[in-house]
Amino acid sequence: MFAAERRQLILEMVRANGAVSLRELARVVQTSEVTVRRDVRALEAEGLLDRRHGGAVLPGGFTRESGIPQKSHLATAEKTAIADMAAGLVEEGEAIVVGAGTTTQELARRLARIPGLTVVTNSLLVAQALAHANRVEVVMTGGTLRGSNYALVGSGAEQSLQGLRVARAFLSGSGLTAERGLSTSNMLSASVDRALVQAAAEVVVLADHTKLGSDTMFQTVPTDLITRLVTDEPPGHDDRAATELQALADQGVQIAVAGAAGGSGAAESLPHGRQGRREMPLPGQRRTAHGGPGGQGPQQLRSPSALGDGQGERSRVADLRRR
């Protein structure tokens, strides 16, 4: 196949799916990933698509949302490391909410090992990951099924979350910037995510480095409501992601960086020489973190409301379940 033919086929696949991994592109055009990467770079130079870590997506920040099959092949090692670190923030017996997404699905697989949890979610994938966890109670919102990301959305989902209060929310999205916070490409998904945020004392965003600096159509969580970001170490050449991390830290977001090597979840060095599992420096930090000092693992974040009567949290979740 000539280069022009390969590139035309690559472009058609990206337009049809929204996002495609390099591995899948190489399989379809029957060539190496090195050659496909070169083709993707050439198509990006023409403004026909955008490169992402491990794949290619439609050009521009305000594009339609990719489906779960496409997202599941992008940045898989990074998502695994992020999920490993995020699971360490959850304590036995807590009540939490978990939003839809492939990264939150990875988190749910690890939450299955934590006893006494109550997990409220609008994601069928999150619920499925926890379905056989004997000591985890899963509460699903109502709503209308959105097939592209297997999530319940709409007024039914939002109304079922009213009056709920839990320790923390774990959310993902399509893009994250210091200026606008977390955003997504779908209006219905954004509206439910905002309702999930209102139910939580603290908000933890799970986003791999490919989403840093990307701004999509609908804002879900403004920066000043994000307690902590769990992400992976940006490549050395990715100045945009490193700059965005520093800007988020300057606004008081606590940054935890997970290492993707081998999917172990161990933290790597932070940008600009900051070391280990330590948080990014937080000028004018707004929130109080409880736990060990930097270098001893992620701190447990507990706001005063989250430190309240745990039985009260579970009774409010029970009210939701009875609806």
Foldseek 3Di string as FASTA:
>chain_A
DDLVVLLVVLLVVQVVFQKAFLVVSCVVVVHDSVSSVVSLVVCVVVVQWADFARIIGGGDQADADGFPVRQCRHPVLFLLLLLVQVLVQDAAQFEEEEEFDPSSLSNLLVCLPRANYEYEYQAPSSCVSNVPSPRYHYFYFAADADPRGRGHWDPRRLVLLPPAATAEYEYEEQAAALQFGGFHNDPRSLVNLLSSLVRHPAYEYEDELRRYPRDYDGGRDGLLRHAEYEYAADPPVCPRSLVRLVSSLQSQHWYFHFYSVVSPSFHAARPPGRGGRATDHHVPHDADFDDDHPPPGDTHGGDPVNPPDSVVNVVSVVVSRVD
